[in-house]
Amino acid sequence: SHNHAMYGSVDEFFYKSVGGIRLASDAVASDHLIYDPQFTTASSANVTYNSIRGMAAISWAVVSVSKVALNLTVPVN
């Protein structure tokens, strides 16, 4: 099986660090998400997170040295 708990931490790294999607410390049932992507040496990222309130997503791409294109999807309400 490839469904081991140790692989979950890799997924968590991508949506929390590279994508920057995480729950706020005071969140109740995913009612408060924080988007804080870490722009790494990667030139782009596309991350989705299926919360209890709906899909949260972020995609970003480095356009130039000083510009990043960013798109967010925020769950309803």
Protein backbone atom coordinates (compact mmCIF):
# COMPACT_ATOMS: atom_id res chain seq x y z
CA SER A 1 0.00 0.00 0.00
CA HIS A 2 1.15 3.54 -0.74
CA ASN A 3 -1.24 4.98 1.86
CA HIS A 4 1.19 5.36 4.75
CA ALA A 5 1.00 8.09 7.38
CA MET A 6 4.57 9.15 6.62
CA TYR A 7 3.51 10.31 3.13
CA GLY A 8 0.92 12.67 4.63
CA SER A 9 3.65 14.96 5.95
CA VAL A 10 4.93 15.53 2.41
CA ASP A 11 1.46 16.63 1.28
CA GLU A 12 1.14 18.84 4.34
CA PHE A 13 4.43 20.56 3.49
CA PHE A 14 3.18 21.46 0.00
CA TYR A 15 -0.19 22.92 0.95
CA LYS A 16 1.03 24.65 4.14
CA SER A 17 4.43 25.94 3.00
CA VAL A 18 4.62 26.19 -0.77
CA GLY A 19 0.90 26.90 -1.17
CA GLY A 20 0.58 28.66 2.16
CA ILE A 21 -2.93 27.40 2.96
CA ARG A 22 -3.38 26.80 6.67
CA LEU A 23 -5.98 27.12 9.39
CA ALA A 24 -5.75 30.07 11.74
CA SER A 25 -5.02 29.16 15.35
CA ASP A 26 -8.54 30.29 16.38
CA ALA A 27 -10.32 28.52 13.48
CA VAL A 28 -13.42 26.48 14.24
CA ALA A 29 -14.45 23.96 11.56
CA SER A 30 -12.19 25.62 8.96
CA ASP A 31 -13.94 29.00 9.27
CA HIS A 32 -10.69 31.00 9.12
CA LEU A 33 -8.03 30.14 6.55
CA ILE A 34 -4.73 31.93 6.08
CA TYR A 35 -3.07 32.19 2.67
CA ASP A 36 0.66 32.81 3.09
CA PRO A 37 2.65 31.16 0.29
CA GLN A 38 6.40 30.77 0.60
CA PHE A 39 7.93 31.71 -2.73
CA THR A 40 10.79 29.25 -3.02
CA THR A 41 13.13 28.43 -5.85
CA ALA A 42 10.14 26.98 -7.68
CA SER A 43 8.81 29.16 -10.46
CA SER A 44 5.15 28.27 -9.83
CA ALA A 45 2.78 26.29 -7.63
CA ASN A 46 -0.85 25.18 -7.71
CA VAL A 47 -2.27 23.87 -4.41
CA THR A 48 -5.80 22.87 -3.37
CA TYR A 49 -7.16 22.01 0.05
CA ASN A 50 -10.61 20.47 0.52
CA SER A 51 -11.85 21.89 3.81
CA ILE A 52 -15.15 21.11 5.52
CA ARG A 53 -16.47 24.44 4.14
CA GLY A 54 -15.39 23.83 0.55
CA MET A 55 -12.36 23.95 -1.66
CA ALA A 56 -9.56 26.42 -0.94
CA ALA A 57 -6.95 26.89 -3.65
CA ILE A 58 -3.98 29.02 -4.50
CA SER A 59 -1.88 29.20 -7.61
CA TRP A 60 1.08 31.46 -8.15
CA ALA A 61 3.75 31.96 -10.77
CA VAL A 62 6.82 34.14 -10.81
CA VAL A 63 6.43 36.61 -13.66
CA SER A 64 9.67 38.54 -13.16
CA VAL A 65 12.18 39.31 -10.43
CA SER A 66 9.74 41.66 -8.71
CA LYS A 67 6.33 40.30 -9.81
CA VAL A 68 4.25 37.26 -8.94
CA ALA A 69 0.87 36.38 -10.45
CA LEU A 70 -1.45 35.04 -7.73
CA ASN A 71 -4.94 33.47 -7.90
CA LEU A 72 -7.00 32.47 -4.85
CA THR A 73 -10.11 30.37 -4.41
CA VAL A 74 -11.85 30.96 -1.09
CA PRO A 75 -14.60 28.67 0.25
CA VAL A 76 -18.11 30.13 0.39
CA ASN A 77 -18.89 32.13 3.55
